[in-house]
């Protein structure tokens, strides 16, 4: 397993708040959802 890296992102606060609320309702962790999205994007480039 690879190590973890701390990153700082700047996102629109209203969008973040709405996304965080969705994650909370579904029991998701916000950072994990960002990671999932990044993994999908990286896989698109490999194809």
C-alpha atoms as a PDB file:
ATOM      1  CA  UNK A   1       0.000   0.000   0.000  1.00  0.00           C
ATOM      2  CA  UNK A   2       1.269   3.440  -0.855  1.00  0.00           C
ATOM      3  CA  UNK A   3       1.592   6.176   1.739  1.00  0.00           C
ATOM      4  CA  UNK A   4      -0.847   9.000   2.134  1.00  0.00           C
ATOM      5  CA  UNK A   5      -0.191  12.612   1.238  1.00  0.00           C
ATOM      6  CA  UNK A   6      -1.784  15.661   2.782  1.00  0.00           C
ATOM      7  CA  UNK A   7      -2.970  18.161   0.168  1.00  0.00           C
ATOM      8  CA  UNK A   8      -4.572  21.567   0.296  1.00  0.00           C
ATOM      9  CA  UNK A   9      -7.375  22.301  -2.153  1.00  0.00           C
ATOM     10  CA  UNK A  10      -9.266  25.484  -2.815  1.00  0.00           C
ATOM     11  CA  UNK A  11     -12.872  24.859  -3.789  1.00  0.00           C
ATOM     12  CA  UNK A  12     -16.023  26.938  -3.857  1.00  0.00           C
ATOM     13  CA  UNK A  13     -17.305  26.971  -0.277  1.00  0.00           C
ATOM     14  CA  UNK A  14     -20.975  26.575  -1.239  1.00  0.00           C
ATOM     15  CA  UNK A  15     -20.243  23.539  -3.408  1.00  0.00           C
ATOM     16  CA  UNK A  16     -18.036  22.030  -0.707  1.00  0.00           C
ATOM     17  CA  UNK A  17     -20.701  22.516   1.947  1.00  0.00           C
ATOM     18  CA  UNK A  18     -23.339  20.832  -0.231  1.00  0.00           C
ATOM     19  CA  UNK A  19     -20.979  17.969  -1.075  1.00  0.00           C
ATOM     20  CA  UNK A  20     -20.025  17.526   2.592  1.00  0.00           C
ATOM     21  CA  UNK A  21     -23.696  17.424   3.543  1.00  0.00           C
ATOM     22  CA  UNK A  22     -24.310  14.686   0.941  1.00  0.00           C
ATOM     23  CA  UNK A  23     -21.329  12.714   2.210  1.00  0.00           C
ATOM     24  CA  UNK A  24     -22.518  13.020   5.800  1.00  0.00           C
ATOM     25  CA  UNK A  25     -25.989  11.749   4.875  1.00  0.00           C
ATOM     26  CA  UNK A  26     -24.505   8.754   3.056  1.00  0.00           C
ATOM     27  CA  UNK A  27     -21.857   8.018   5.682  1.00  0.00           C
ATOM     28  CA  UNK A  28     -19.024   8.821   3.263  1.00  0.00           C
ATOM     29  CA  UNK A  29     -15.701  10.464   4.047  1.00  0.00           C
ATOM     30  CA  UNK A  30     -15.125  13.568   1.902  1.00  0.00           C
ATOM     31  CA  UNK A  31     -11.417  12.884   1.314  1.00  0.00           C
ATOM     32  CA  UNK A  32     -12.160   9.311   0.225  1.00  0.00           C
ATOM     33  CA  UNK A  33     -14.648  10.597  -2.341  1.00  0.00           C
ATOM     34  CA  UNK A  34     -12.007  12.959  -3.763  1.00  0.00           C
ATOM     35  CA  UNK A  35      -9.601  10.023  -3.927  1.00  0.00           C
ATOM     36  CA  UNK A  36     -12.180   7.862  -5.717  1.00  0.00           C
ATOM     37  CA  UNK A  37     -12.743  10.626  -8.271  1.00  0.00           C
ATOM     38  CA  UNK A  38      -9.006  11.065  -8.853  1.00  0.00           C
ATOM     39  CA  UNK A  39      -8.539   7.306  -9.296  1.00  0.00           C
ATOM     40  CA  UNK A  40     -11.289   7.231 -11.945  1.00  0.00           C
ATOM     41  CA  UNK A  41      -9.671  10.131 -13.809  1.00  0.00           C
ATOM     42  CA  UNK A  42      -6.230   8.509 -13.706  1.00  0.00           C
ATOM     43  CA  UNK A  43      -7.667   5.238 -15.057  1.00  0.00           C
ATOM     44  CA  UNK A  44      -9.244   7.131 -17.981  1.00  0.00           C
ATOM     45  CA  UNK A  45      -5.768   8.307 -19.040  1.00  0.00           C
ATOM     46  CA  UNK A  46      -4.351   4.764 -18.915  1.00  0.00           C
ATOM     47  CA  UNK A  47      -6.878   3.410 -21.455  1.00  0.00           C
END
